[in-house]
PDB file of all heavy atoms in Angstrom:
ATOM      1  N   PHE A   1      77.296  56.875 -79.105  1.00  0.00           N
ATOM      2  CA  PHE A   1      76.751  55.586 -79.531  1.00  0.00           C
ATOM      3  C   PHE A   1      77.534  55.015 -80.720  1.00  0.00           C
ATOM      4  O   PHE A   1      76.968  54.602 -81.734  1.00  0.00           O
ATOM      5  CB  PHE A   1      75.272  55.711 -79.902  1.00  0.00           C
ATOM      6  CG  PHE A   1      74.430  54.558 -79.406  1.00  0.00           C
ATOM      7  CD1 PHE A   1      73.081  54.720 -79.157  1.00  0.00           C
ATOM      8  CD2 PHE A   1      74.977  53.295 -79.196  1.00  0.00           C
ATOM      9  CE1 PHE A   1      72.287  53.661 -78.700  1.00  0.00           C
ATOM     10  CE2 PHE A   1      74.211  52.238 -78.750  1.00  0.00           C
ATOM     11  CZ  PHE A   1      72.856  52.425 -78.501  1.00  0.00           C
ATOM     12  N   LYS A   2      78.856  54.949 -80.561  1.00  0.00           N
ATOM     13  CA  LYS A   2      79.732  54.452 -81.614  1.00  0.00           C
ATOM     14  C   LYS A   2      80.156  53.000 -81.393  1.00  0.00           C
ATOM     15  O   LYS A   2      80.997  52.480 -82.124  1.00  0.00           O
ATOM     16  CB  LYS A   2      80.976  55.344 -81.725  1.00  0.00           C
ATOM     17  CG  LYS A   2      80.680  56.754 -82.225  1.00  0.00           C
ATOM     18  CD  LYS A   2      81.963  57.551 -82.389  1.00  0.00           C
ATOM     19  CE  LYS A   2      81.670  58.931 -82.971  1.00  0.00           C
ATOM     20  NZ  LYS A   2      82.910  59.739 -83.130  1.00  0.00           N
ATOM     21  N   ILE A   3      79.574  52.352 -80.408  1.00  0.00           N
ATOM     22  CA  ILE A   3      79.970  50.984 -80.095  1.00  0.00           C
ATOM     23  C   ILE A   3      79.660  50.052 -81.265  1.00  0.00           C
ATOM     24  O   ILE A   3      78.625  50.144 -81.907  1.00  0.00           O
ATOM     25  CB  ILE A   3      79.242  50.497 -78.814  1.00  0.00           C
ATOM     26  CG1 ILE A   3      79.871  49.226 -78.274  1.00  0.00           C
ATOM     27  CG2 ILE A   3      77.755  50.351 -79.016  1.00  0.00           C
ATOM     28  CD1 ILE A   3      81.159  49.422 -77.568  1.00  0.00           C
ATOM     29  N   LYS A   4      80.607  49.138 -81.546  1.00  0.00           N
ATOM     30  CA  LYS A   4      80.405  48.174 -82.629  1.00  0.00           C
ATOM     31  C   LYS A   4      79.472  47.050 -82.158  1.00  0.00           C
ATOM     32  O   LYS A   4      79.464  46.679 -80.991  1.00  0.00           O
ATOM     33  CB  LYS A   4      81.752  47.578 -83.055  1.00  0.00           C
ATOM     34  CG  LYS A   4      82.717  48.598 -83.641  1.00  0.00           C
ATOM     35  CD  LYS A   4      84.075  47.943 -83.916  1.00  0.00           C
ATOM     36  CE  LYS A   4      85.085  48.951 -84.452  1.00  0.00           C
ATOM     37  NZ  LYS A   4      86.432  48.342 -84.653  1.00  0.00           N
ATOM     38  N   LYS A   5      78.718  46.493 -83.076  1.00  0.00           N
ATOM     39  CA  LYS A   5      77.731  45.474 -82.735  1.00  0.00           C
ATOM     40  C   LYS A   5      78.342  44.084 -82.543  1.00  0.00           C
ATOM     41  O   LYS A   5      77.804  43.268 -81.793  1.00  0.00           O
ATOM     42  CB  LYS A   5      76.651  45.392 -83.814  1.00  0.00           C
ATOM     43  CG  LYS A   5      75.773  46.623 -83.915  1.00  0.00           C
ATOM     44  CD  LYS A   5      74.728  46.418 -85.017  1.00  0.00           C
ATOM     45  CE  LYS A   5      73.798  47.616 -85.146  1.00  0.00           C
ATOM     46  NZ  LYS A   5      72.798  47.413 -86.215  1.00  0.00           N
ATOM     47  N   ASN A   6      79.442  43.814 -83.225  1.00  0.00           N
ATOM     48  CA  ASN A   6      79.958  42.437 -83.268  1.00  0.00           C
ATOM     49  C   ASN A   6      81.089  42.173 -82.276  1.00  0.00           C
ATOM     50  O   ASN A   6      81.912  41.288 -82.490  1.00  0.00           O
ATOM     51  CB  ASN A   6      80.444  42.118 -84.688  1.00  0.00           C
ATOM     52  CG  ASN A   6      81.576  43.053 -85.126  1.00  0.00           C
ATOM     53  OD1 ASN A   6      81.787  44.097 -84.520  1.00  0.00           O
ATOM     54  ND2 ASN A   6      82.281  42.679 -86.183  1.00  0.00           N
ATOM     55  N   LEU A   7      81.149  42.915 -81.183  1.00  0.00           N
ATOM     56  CA  LEU A   7      82.224  42.735 -80.211  1.00  0.00           C
ATOM     57  C   LEU A   7      82.028  41.443 -79.405  1.00  0.00           C
ATOM     58  O   LEU A   7      80.905  41.011 -79.143  1.00  0.00           O
ATOM     59  CB  LEU A   7      82.284  43.936 -79.267  1.00  0.00           C
ATOM     60  CG  LEU A   7      82.603  45.277 -79.916  1.00  0.00           C
ATOM     61  CD1 LEU A   7      82.497  46.396 -78.887  1.00  0.00           C
ATOM     62  CD2 LEU A   7      83.992  45.268 -80.541  1.00  0.00           C
ATOM     63  N   LYS A   8      83.160  40.863 -78.983  1.00  0.00           N
ATOM     64  CA  LYS A   8      83.121  39.586 -78.250  1.00  0.00           C
ATOM     65  C   LYS A   8      82.351  39.693 -76.937  1.00  0.00           C
ATOM     66  O   LYS A   8      81.693  38.737 -76.519  1.00  0.00           O
ATOM     67  CB  LYS A   8      84.552  39.121 -77.951  1.00  0.00           C
ATOM     68  CG  LYS A   8      85.355  38.723 -79.183  1.00  0.00           C
ATOM     69  CD  LYS A   8      86.779  38.358 -78.784  1.00  0.00           C
ATOM     70  CE  LYS A   8      87.625  38.005 -79.998  1.00  0.00           C
ATOM     71  NZ  LYS A   8      89.027  37.715 -79.614  1.00  0.00           N
ATOM     72  N   VAL A   9      82.415  40.832 -76.283  1.00  0.00           N
ATOM     73  CA  VAL A   9      81.785  40.973 -74.975  1.00  0.00           C
ATOM     74  C   VAL A   9      80.278  40.734 -75.036  1.00  0.00           C
ATOM     75  O   VAL A   9      79.664  40.272 -74.069  1.00  0.00           O
ATOM     76  CB  VAL A   9      82.096  42.369 -74.371  1.00  0.00           C
ATOM     77  CG1 VAL A   9      81.367  43.483 -75.106  1.00  0.00           C
ATOM     78  CG2 VAL A   9      81.788  42.398 -72.881  1.00  0.00           C
ATOM     79  N   PHE A  10      79.669  41.006 -76.188  1.00  0.00           N
ATOM     80  CA  PHE A  10      78.221  40.857 -76.321  1.00  0.00           C
ATOM     81  C   PHE A  10      77.783  39.399 -76.514  1.00  0.00           C
ATOM     82  O   PHE A  10      76.588  39.104 -76.524  1.00  0.00           O
ATOM     83  CB  PHE A  10      77.701  41.715 -77.476  1.00  0.00           C
ATOM     84  CG  PHE A  10      77.923  43.189 -77.275  1.00  0.00           C
ATOM     85  CD1 PHE A  10      78.544  43.960 -78.253  1.00  0.00           C
ATOM     86  CD2 PHE A  10      77.526  43.810 -76.104  1.00  0.00           C
ATOM     87  CE1 PHE A  10      78.754  45.315 -78.074  1.00  0.00           C
ATOM     88  CE2 PHE A  10      77.736  45.175 -75.903  1.00  0.00           C
ATOM     89  CZ  PHE A  10      78.352  45.923 -76.891  1.00  0.00           C
ATOM     90  N   ARG A  11      78.753  38.498 -76.664  1.00  0.00           N
ATOM     91  CA  ARG A  11      78.415  37.083 -76.810  1.00  0.00           C
ATOM     92  C   ARG A  11      78.120  36.419 -75.467  1.00  0.00           C
ATOM     93  O   ARG A  11      77.562  35.325 -75.418  1.00  0.00           O
ATOM     94  CB  ARG A  11      79.570  36.336 -77.499  1.00  0.00           C
ATOM     95  CG  ARG A  11      79.872  36.851 -78.903  1.00  0.00           C
ATOM     96  CD  ARG A  11      81.114  36.161 -79.456  1.00  0.00           C
ATOM     97  NE  ARG A  11      81.616  36.816 -80.653  1.00  0.00           N
ATOM     98  CZ  ARG A  11      82.779  36.538 -81.228  1.00  0.00           C
ATOM     99  NH1 ARG A  11      83.556  35.578 -80.713  1.00  0.00           N
ATOM    100  NH2 ARG A  11      83.178  37.191 -82.297  1.00  0.00           N
ATOM    101  N   ASP A  12      78.520  37.071 -74.398  1.00  0.00           N
ATOM    102  CA  ASP A  12      78.306  36.522 -73.060  1.00  0.00           C
ATOM    103  C   ASP A  12      76.878  36.832 -72.620  1.00  0.00           C
ATOM    104  O   ASP A  12      76.540  37.979 -72.317  1.00  0.00           O
ATOM    105  CB  ASP A  12      79.304  37.142 -72.078  1.00  0.00           C
ATOM    106  CG  ASP A  12      79.307  36.453 -70.729  1.00  0.00           C
ATOM    107  OD1 ASP A  12      78.319  35.758 -70.414  1.00  0.00           O
ATOM    108  OD2 ASP A  12      80.286  36.608 -69.979  1.00  0.00           O
ATOM    109  N   LYS A  13      76.036  35.820 -72.576  1.00  0.00           N
ATOM    110  CA  LYS A  13      74.622  35.999 -72.250  1.00  0.00           C
ATOM    111  C   LYS A  13      74.348  35.905 -70.750  1.00  0.00           C
ATOM    112  O   LYS A  13      73.202  36.033 -70.317  1.00  0.00           O
ATOM    113  CB  LYS A  13      73.769  34.947 -72.981  1.00  0.00           C
ATOM    114  CG  LYS A  13      73.982  34.916 -74.486  1.00  0.00           C
ATOM    115  CD  LYS A  13      73.656  36.243 -75.146  1.00  0.00           C
ATOM    116  CE  LYS A  13      73.867  36.187 -76.658  1.00  0.00           C
ATOM    117  NZ  LYS A  13      73.648  37.496 -77.303  1.00  0.00           N
ATOM    118  N   PHE A  14      75.389  35.678 -69.939  1.00  0.00           N
ATOM    119  CA  PHE A  14      75.187  35.442 -68.513  1.00  0.00           C
ATOM    120  C   PHE A  14      75.572  36.646 -67.653  1.00  0.00           C
ATOM    121  O   PHE A  14      75.500  36.593 -66.439  1.00  0.00           O
ATOM    122  CB  PHE A  14      75.986  34.213 -68.063  1.00  0.00           C
ATOM    123  CG  PHE A  14      75.563  32.952 -68.761  1.00  0.00           C
ATOM    124  CD1 PHE A  14      76.292  32.473 -69.855  1.00  0.00           C
ATOM    125  CD2 PHE A  14      74.430  32.273 -68.373  1.00  0.00           C
ATOM    126  CE1 PHE A  14      75.895  31.322 -70.519  1.00  0.00           C
ATOM    127  CE2 PHE A  14      74.025  31.114 -69.026  1.00  0.00           C
ATOM    128  CZ  PHE A  14      74.766  30.640 -70.108  1.00  0.00           C
ATOM    129  N   ARG A  15      75.996  37.733 -68.306  1.00  0.00           N
ATOM    130  CA  ARG A  15      76.379  38.931 -67.557  1.00  0.00           C
ATOM    131  C   ARG A  15      75.516  40.119 -67.945  1.00  0.00           C
ATOM    132  O   ARG A  15      75.063  40.229 -69.080  1.00  0.00           O
ATOM    133  CB  ARG A  15      77.848  39.301 -67.840  1.00  0.00           C
ATOM    134  CG  ARG A  15      78.844  38.501 -67.064  1.00  0.00           C
ATOM    135  CD  ARG A  15      80.198  39.156 -67.093  1.00  0.00           C
ATOM    136  NE  ARG A  15      80.769  39.205 -68.414  1.00  0.00           N
ATOM    137  CZ  ARG A  15      81.854  39.904 -68.733  1.00  0.00           C
ATOM    138  NH1 ARG A  15      82.440  40.650 -67.822  1.00  0.00           N
ATOM    139  NH2 ARG A  15      82.336  39.883 -69.939  1.00  0.00           N
ATOM    140  N   GLU A  16      75.328  41.017 -66.988  1.00  0.00           N
ATOM    141  CA  GLU A  16      74.649  42.267 -67.304  1.00  0.00           C
ATOM    142  C   GLU A  16      75.619  43.196 -68.023  1.00  0.00           C
ATOM    143  O   GLU A  16      76.762  43.370 -67.588  1.00  0.00           O
ATOM    144  CB  GLU A  16      74.152  42.936 -66.023  1.00  0.00           C
ATOM    145  CG  GLU A  16      72.919  42.294 -65.421  1.00  0.00           C
ATOM    146  CD  GLU A  16      72.330  43.157 -64.324  1.00  0.00           C
ATOM    147  OE1 GLU A  16      73.094  43.491 -63.398  1.00  0.00           O
ATOM    148  OE2 GLU A  16      71.141  43.482 -64.384  1.00  0.00           O
ATOM    149  N   ILE A  17      75.160  43.786 -69.113  1.00  0.00           N
ATOM    150  CA  ILE A  17      75.966  44.759 -69.849  1.00  0.00           C
ATOM    151  C   ILE A  17      75.114  46.010 -70.045  1.00  0.00           C
ATOM    152  O   ILE A  17      73.947  45.930 -70.449  1.00  0.00           O
ATOM    153  CB  ILE A  17      76.418  44.209 -71.209  1.00  0.00           C
ATOM    154  CG1 ILE A  17      77.265  42.941 -71.015  1.00  0.00           C
ATOM    155  CG2 ILE A  17      77.210  45.261 -71.983  1.00  0.00           C
ATOM    156  CD1 ILE A  17      77.665  42.254 -72.309  1.00  0.00           C
ATOM    157  N   PHE A  18      75.691  47.167 -69.739  1.00  0.00           N
ATOM    158  CA  PHE A  18      74.997  48.440 -69.867  1.00  0.00           C
ATOM    159  C   PHE A  18      75.786  49.366 -70.795  1.00  0.00           C
ATOM    160  O   PHE A  18      77.011  49.465 -70.678  1.00  0.00           O
ATOM    161  CB  PHE A  18      74.856  49.127 -68.504  1.00  0.00           C
ATOM    162  CG  PHE A  18      74.049  48.355 -67.501  1.00  0.00           C
ATOM    163  CD1 PHE A  18      74.640  47.344 -66.738  1.00  0.00           C
ATOM    164  CD2 PHE A  18      72.711  48.631 -67.297  1.00  0.00           C
ATOM    165  CE1 PHE A  18      73.905  46.628 -65.800  1.00  0.00           C
ATOM    166  CE2 PHE A  18      71.966  47.916 -66.362  1.00  0.00           C
ATOM    167  CZ  PHE A  18      72.565  46.923 -65.617  1.00  0.00           C
ATOM    168  N   ILE A  19      75.100  50.032 -71.687  1.00  0.00           N
ATOM    169  CA  ILE A  19      75.696  51.082 -72.510  1.00  0.00           C
ATOM    170  C   ILE A  19      75.108  52.415 -72.061  1.00  0.00           C
ATOM    171  O   ILE A  19      73.891  52.609 -72.105  1.00  0.00           O
ATOM    172  CB  ILE A  19      75.426  50.859 -74.014  1.00  0.00           C
ATOM    173  CG1 ILE A  19      76.067  49.543 -74.490  1.00  0.00           C
ATOM    174  CG2 ILE A  19      75.956  52.031 -74.835  1.00  0.00           C
ATOM    175  CD1 ILE A  19      75.721  49.176 -75.920  1.00  0.00           C
ATOM    176  N   PHE A  20      75.975  53.319 -71.609  1.00  0.00           N
ATOM    177  CA  PHE A  20      75.554  54.664 -71.218  1.00  0.00           C
ATOM    178  C   PHE A  20      75.810  55.598 -72.405  1.00  0.00           C
ATOM    179  O   PHE A  20      76.946  55.729 -72.853  1.00  0.00           O
ATOM    180  CB  PHE A  20      76.381  55.160 -70.021  1.00  0.00           C
ATOM    181  CG  PHE A  20      75.983  54.567 -68.698  1.00  0.00           C
ATOM    182  CD1 PHE A  20      75.294  53.373 -68.609  1.00  0.00           C
ATOM    183  CD2 PHE A  20      76.308  55.211 -67.512  1.00  0.00           C
ATOM    184  CE1 PHE A  20      74.930  52.829 -67.394  1.00  0.00           C
ATOM    185  CE2 PHE A  20      75.956  54.684 -66.279  1.00  0.00           C
ATOM    186  CZ  PHE A  20      75.268  53.485 -66.217  1.00  0.00           C
ATOM    187  N   THR A  21      74.782  56.245 -72.899  1.00  0.00           N
ATOM    188  CA  THR A  21      74.952  57.112 -74.067  1.00  0.00           C
ATOM    189  C   THR A  21      74.092  58.363 -73.965  1.00  0.00           C
ATOM    190  O   THR A  21      73.081  58.388 -73.248  1.00  0.00           O
ATOM    191  CB  THR A  21      74.612  56.351 -75.364  1.00  0.00           C
ATOM    192  OG1 THR A  21      74.874  57.184 -76.488  1.00  0.00           O
ATOM    193  CG2 THR A  21      73.154  55.901 -75.376  1.00  0.00           C
ATOM    194  N   HIS A  22      74.512  59.403 -74.687  1.00  0.00           N
ATOM    195  CA  HIS A  22      73.736  60.644 -74.798  1.00  0.00           C
ATOM    196  C   HIS A  22      73.004  60.723 -76.135  1.00  0.00           C
ATOM    197  O   HIS A  22      72.252  61.663 -76.375  1.00  0.00           O
ATOM    198  CB  HIS A  22      74.666  61.858 -74.697  1.00  0.00           C
ATOM    199  CG  HIS A  22      75.265  62.064 -73.338  1.00  0.00           C
ATOM    200  ND1 HIS A  22      74.602  62.685 -72.310  1.00  0.00           N
ATOM    201  CD2 HIS A  22      76.475  61.719 -72.838  1.00  0.00           C
ATOM    202  CE1 HIS A  22      75.374  62.733 -71.244  1.00  0.00           C
ATOM    203  NE2 HIS A  22      76.513  62.149 -71.534  1.00  0.00           N
ATOM    204  N   THR A  23      73.249  59.753 -77.003  1.00  0.00           N
ATOM    205  CA  THR A  23      72.800  59.846 -78.398  1.00  0.00           C
ATOM    206  C   THR A  23      71.625  58.915 -78.679  1.00  0.00           C
ATOM    207  O   THR A  23      71.616  57.763 -78.250  1.00  0.00           O
ATOM    208  CB  THR A  23      73.973  59.505 -79.344  1.00  0.00           C
ATOM    209  OG1 THR A  23      75.063  60.380 -79.057  1.00  0.00           O
ATOM    210  CG2 THR A  23      73.561  59.662 -80.801  1.00  0.00           C
ATOM    211  N   ASN A  24      70.657  59.418 -79.424  1.00  0.00           N
ATOM    212  CA  ASN A  24      69.532  58.590 -79.857  1.00  0.00           C
ATOM    213  C   ASN A  24      69.877  57.881 -81.164  1.00  0.00           C
ATOM    214  O   ASN A  24      70.330  58.517 -82.125  1.00  0.00           O
ATOM    215  CB  ASN A  24      68.286  59.458 -80.079  1.00  0.00           C
ATOM    216  CG  ASN A  24      67.753  60.024 -78.779  1.00  0.00           C
ATOM    217  OD1 ASN A  24      67.655  59.316 -77.776  1.00  0.00           O
ATOM    218  ND2 ASN A  24      67.413  61.305 -78.782  1.00  0.00           N
ATOM    219  N   ASN A  25      69.696  56.576 -81.169  1.00  0.00           N
ATOM    220  CA  ASN A  25      69.911  55.789 -82.382  1.00  0.00           C
ATOM    221  C   ASN A  25      68.971  54.583 -82.288  1.00  0.00           C
ATOM    222  O   ASN A  25      69.298  53.561 -81.695  1.00  0.00           O
ATOM    223  CB  ASN A  25      71.374  55.338 -82.487  1.00  0.00           C
ATOM    224  CG  ASN A  25      71.679  54.631 -83.790  1.00  0.00           C
ATOM    225  OD1 ASN A  25      70.857  53.867 -84.298  1.00  0.00           O
ATOM    226  ND2 ASN A  25      72.875  54.848 -84.323  1.00  0.00           N
ATOM    227  N   LYS A  26      67.780  54.722 -82.840  1.00  0.00           N
ATOM    228  CA  LYS A  26      66.731  53.724 -82.664  1.00  0.00           C
ATOM    229  C   LYS A  26      67.129  52.349 -83.181  1.00  0.00           C
ATOM    230  O   LYS A  26      66.800  51.329 -82.565  1.00  0.00           O
ATOM    231  CB  LYS A  26      65.454  54.198 -83.362  1.00  0.00           C
ATOM    232  CG  LYS A  26      64.790  55.371 -82.661  1.00  0.00           C
ATOM    233  CD  LYS A  26      63.473  55.736 -83.322  1.00  0.00           C
ATOM    234  CE  LYS A  26      62.807  56.891 -82.579  1.00  0.00           C
ATOM    235  NZ  LYS A  26      61.517  57.276 -83.227  1.00  0.00           N
ATOM    236  N   ASP A  27      67.848  52.298 -84.306  1.00  0.00           N
ATOM    237  CA  ASP A  27      68.262  51.010 -84.859  1.00  0.00           C
ATOM    238  C   ASP A  27      69.212  50.278 -83.916  1.00  0.00           C
ATOM    239  O   ASP A  27      69.058  49.076 -83.661  1.00  0.00           O
ATOM    240  CB  ASP A  27      68.925  51.200 -86.224  1.00  0.00           C
ATOM    241  CG  ASP A  27      67.917  51.599 -87.297  1.00  0.00           C
ATOM    242  OD1 ASP A  27      66.710  51.341 -87.088  1.00  0.00           O
ATOM    243  OD2 ASP A  27      68.330  52.172 -88.314  1.00  0.00           O
ATOM    244  N   LYS A  28      70.206  51.021 -83.388  1.00  0.00           N
ATOM    245  CA  LYS A  28      71.161  50.397 -82.472  1.00  0.00           C
ATOM    246  C   LYS A  28      70.493  50.008 -81.151  1.00  0.00           C
ATOM    247  O   LYS A  28      70.765  48.949 -80.592  1.00  0.00           O
ATOM    248  CB  LYS A  28      72.339  51.349 -82.203  1.00  0.00           C
ATOM    249  CG  LYS A  28      73.511  51.148 -83.147  1.00  0.00           C
ATOM    250  CD  LYS A  28      74.759  51.844 -82.643  1.00  0.00           C
ATOM    251  CE  LYS A  28      75.967  51.435 -83.481  1.00  0.00           C
ATOM    252  NZ  LYS A  28      77.206  52.084 -82.994  1.00  0.00           N
ATOM    253  N   GLU A  29      69.628  50.875 -80.679  1.00  0.00           N
ATOM    254  CA  GLU A  29      68.919  50.564 -79.436  1.00  0.00           C
ATOM    255  C   GLU A  29      68.118  49.281 -79.585  1.00  0.00           C
ATOM    256  O   GLU A  29      68.138  48.410 -78.701  1.00  0.00           O
ATOM    257  CB  GLU A  29      67.983  51.716 -79.058  1.00  0.00           C
ATOM    258  CG  GLU A  29      68.700  52.921 -78.486  1.00  0.00           C
ATOM    259  CD  GLU A  29      67.725  54.010 -78.077  1.00  0.00           C
ATOM    260  OE1 GLU A  29      66.715  53.696 -77.409  1.00  0.00           O
ATOM    261  OE2 GLU A  29      67.962  55.176 -78.420  1.00  0.00           O
ATOM    262  N   LYS A  30      67.426  49.154 -80.681  1.00  0.00           N
ATOM    263  CA  LYS A  30      66.606  47.975 -80.934  1.00  0.00           C
ATOM    264  C   LYS A  30      67.473  46.721 -80.990  1.00  0.00           C
ATOM    265  O   LYS A  30      67.138  45.674 -80.418  1.00  0.00           O
ATOM    266  CB  LYS A  30      65.842  48.144 -82.239  1.00  0.00           C
ATOM    267  CG  LYS A  30      64.876  47.012 -82.553  1.00  0.00           C
ATOM    268  CD  LYS A  30      64.119  47.283 -83.846  1.00  0.00           C
ATOM    269  CE  LYS A  30      63.167  46.128 -84.167  1.00  0.00           C
ATOM    270  NZ  LYS A  30      62.425  46.376 -85.436  1.00  0.00           N
ATOM    271  N   TYR A  31      68.621  46.829 -81.676  1.00  0.00           N
ATOM    272  CA  TYR A  31      69.520  45.683 -81.818  1.00  0.00           C
ATOM    273  C   TYR A  31      70.053  45.236 -80.458  1.00  0.00           C
ATOM    274  O   TYR A  31      70.000  44.049 -80.118  1.00  0.00           O
ATOM    275  CB  TYR A  31      70.686  46.032 -82.749  1.00  0.00           C
ATOM    276  CG  TYR A  31      71.768  44.981 -82.759  1.00  0.00           C
ATOM    277  CD1 TYR A  31      71.625  43.819 -83.522  1.00  0.00           C
ATOM    278  CD2 TYR A  31      72.922  45.123 -81.976  1.00  0.00           C
ATOM    279  CE1 TYR A  31      72.604  42.832 -83.517  1.00  0.00           C
ATOM    280  CE2 TYR A  31      73.906  44.141 -81.972  1.00  0.00           C
ATOM    281  CZ  TYR A  31      73.731  42.996 -82.741  1.00  0.00           C
ATOM    282  OH  TYR A  31      74.700  42.018 -82.718  1.00  0.00           O
ATOM    283  N   PHE A  32      70.569  46.196 -79.686  1.00  0.00           N
ATOM    284  CA  PHE A  32      71.192  45.824 -78.413  1.00  0.00           C
ATOM    285  C   PHE A  32      70.168  45.329 -77.396  1.00  0.00           C
ATOM    286  O   PHE A  32      70.435  44.401 -76.633  1.00  0.00           O
ATOM    287  CB  PHE A  32      72.000  46.998 -77.860  1.00  0.00           C
ATOM    288  CG  PHE A  32      73.331  47.169 -78.528  1.00  0.00           C
ATOM    289  CD1 PHE A  32      73.625  48.302 -79.277  1.00  0.00           C
ATOM    290  CD2 PHE A  32      74.297  46.181 -78.438  1.00  0.00           C
ATOM    291  CE1 PHE A  32      74.854  48.446 -79.900  1.00  0.00           C
ATOM    292  CE2 PHE A  32      75.529  46.312 -79.057  1.00  0.00           C
ATOM    293  CZ  PHE A  32      75.813  47.449 -79.789  1.00  0.00           C
ATOM    294  N   LYS A  33      68.997  45.925 -77.378  1.00  0.00           N
ATOM    295  CA  LYS A  33      67.954  45.442 -76.467  1.00  0.00           C
ATOM    296  C   LYS A  33      67.549  44.013 -76.815  1.00  0.00           C
ATOM    297  O   LYS A  33      67.253  43.201 -75.942  1.00  0.00           O
ATOM    298  CB  LYS A  33      66.751  46.383 -76.505  1.00  0.00           C
ATOM    299  CG  LYS A  33      66.999  47.708 -75.791  1.00  0.00           C
ATOM    300  CD  LYS A  33      65.799  48.624 -75.889  1.00  0.00           C
ATOM    301  CE  LYS A  33      66.063  49.937 -75.166  1.00  0.00           C
ATOM    302  NZ  LYS A  33      64.929  50.888 -75.287  1.00  0.00           N
ATOM    303  N   LYS A  34      67.558  43.698 -78.104  1.00  0.00           N
ATOM    304  CA  LYS A  34      67.185  42.362 -78.563  1.00  0.00           C
ATOM    305  C   LYS A  34      68.164  41.312 -78.066  1.00  0.00           C
ATOM    306  O   LYS A  34      67.772  40.171 -77.764  1.00  0.00           O
ATOM    307  CB  LYS A  34      67.111  42.336 -80.094  1.00  0.00           C
ATOM    308  CG  LYS A  34      66.561  41.028 -80.665  1.00  0.00           C
ATOM    309  CD  LYS A  34      66.432  41.106 -82.174  1.00  0.00           C
ATOM    310  CE  LYS A  34      65.881  39.795 -82.736  1.00  0.00           C
ATOM    311  NZ  LYS A  34      65.741  39.848 -84.215  1.00  0.00           N
ATOM    312  N   ILE A  35      69.443  41.670 -77.956  1.00  0.00           N
ATOM    313  CA  ILE A  35      70.444  40.697 -77.498  1.00  0.00           C
ATOM    314  C   ILE A  35      70.674  40.786 -75.981  1.00  0.00           C
ATOM    315  O   ILE A  35      71.603  40.177 -75.443  1.00  0.00           O
ATOM    316  CB  ILE A  35      71.780  40.841 -78.257  1.00  0.00           C
ATOM    317  CG1 ILE A  35      72.438  42.199 -77.994  1.00  0.00           C
ATOM    318  CG2 ILE A  35      71.580  40.610 -79.750  1.00  0.00           C
ATOM    319  CD1 ILE A  35      73.854  42.306 -78.542  1.00  0.00           C
ATOM    320  N   GLY A  36      69.838  41.571 -75.303  1.00  0.00           N
ATOM    321  CA  GLY A  36      69.889  41.604 -73.844  1.00  0.00           C
ATOM    322  C   GLY A  36      70.784  42.652 -73.225  1.00  0.00           C
ATOM    323  O   GLY A  36      71.052  42.616 -72.022  1.00  0.00           O
ATOM    324  N   VAL A  37      71.251  43.629 -74.022  1.00  0.00           N
ATOM    325  CA  VAL A  37      72.092  44.704 -73.506  1.00  0.00           C
ATOM    326  C   VAL A  37      71.193  45.862 -73.054  1.00  0.00           C
ATOM    327  O   VAL A  37      70.240  46.228 -73.740  1.00  0.00           O
ATOM    328  CB  VAL A  37      73.095  45.188 -74.570  1.00  0.00           C
ATOM    329  CG1 VAL A  37      73.894  46.384 -74.063  1.00  0.00           C
ATOM    330  CG2 VAL A  37      74.033  44.047 -74.967  1.00  0.00           C
ATOM    331  N   ASN A  38      71.499  46.423 -71.901  1.00  0.00           N
ATOM    332  CA  ASN A  38      70.709  47.522 -71.342  1.00  0.00           C
ATOM    333  C   ASN A  38      71.227  48.867 -71.845  1.00  0.00           C
ATOM    334  O   ASN A  38      72.443  49.124 -71.807  1.00  0.00           O
ATOM    335  CB  ASN A  38      70.782  47.503 -69.812  1.00  0.00           C
ATOM    336  CG  ASN A  38      70.341  46.182 -69.225  1.00  0.00           C
ATOM    337  OD1 ASN A  38      69.157  45.924 -69.104  1.00  0.00           O
ATOM    338  ND2 ASN A  38      71.310  45.333 -68.872  1.00  0.00           N
ATOM    339  N   ILE A  39      70.339  49.723 -72.294  1.00  0.00           N
ATOM    340  CA  ILE A  39      70.711  51.056 -72.775  1.00  0.00           C
ATOM    341  C   ILE A  39      70.256  52.087 -71.749  1.00  0.00           C
ATOM    342  O   ILE A  39      69.073  52.157 -71.411  1.00  0.00           O
ATOM    343  CB  ILE A  39      70.063  51.372 -74.140  1.00  0.00           C
ATOM    344  CG1 ILE A  39      70.341  50.258 -75.154  1.00  0.00           C
ATOM    345  CG2 ILE A  39      70.543  52.728 -74.653  1.00  0.00           C
ATOM    346  CD1 ILE A  39      71.804  50.056 -75.482  1.00  0.00           C
ATOM    347  N   ILE A  40      71.187  52.885 -71.240  1.00  0.00           N
ATOM    348  CA  ILE A  40      70.881  53.954 -70.289  1.00  0.00           C
ATOM    349  C   ILE A  40      71.111  55.285 -70.999  1.00  0.00           C
ATOM    350  O   ILE A  40      72.236  55.595 -71.411  1.00  0.00           O
ATOM    351  CB  ILE A  40      71.782  53.874 -69.032  1.00  0.00           C
ATOM    352  CG1 ILE A  40      71.693  52.482 -68.395  1.00  0.00           C
ATOM    353  CG2 ILE A  40      71.399  54.974 -68.043  1.00  0.00           C
ATOM    354  CD1 ILE A  40      70.357  52.126 -67.828  1.00  0.00           C
ATOM    355  N   LYS A  41      70.054  56.070 -71.164  1.00  0.00           N
ATOM    356  CA  LYS A  41      70.151  57.366 -71.852  1.00  0.00           C
ATOM    357  C   LYS A  41      70.535  58.437 -70.825  1.00  0.00           C
ATOM    358  O   LYS A  41      69.735  58.835 -69.988  1.00  0.00           O
ATOM    359  CB  LYS A  41      68.822  57.702 -72.522  1.00  0.00           C
ATOM    360  CG  LYS A  41      68.338  56.638 -73.507  1.00  0.00           C
ATOM    361  CD  LYS A  41      69.346  56.395 -74.626  1.00  0.00           C
ATOM    362  CE  LYS A  41      69.309  57.473 -75.676  1.00  0.00           C
ATOM    363  NZ  LYS A  41      68.052  57.510 -76.424  1.00  0.00           N
TER     364      LYS A  41
END
């Protein structure tokens, strides 16, 4: 779960984006879910 929050790819609101991770990070999960990114544990 080392992905940066401010990457250009996350500005596209019309595409599905999934992050596959093994790591728990509640703050990052909350942030990415808020901007519409799907988290797969």
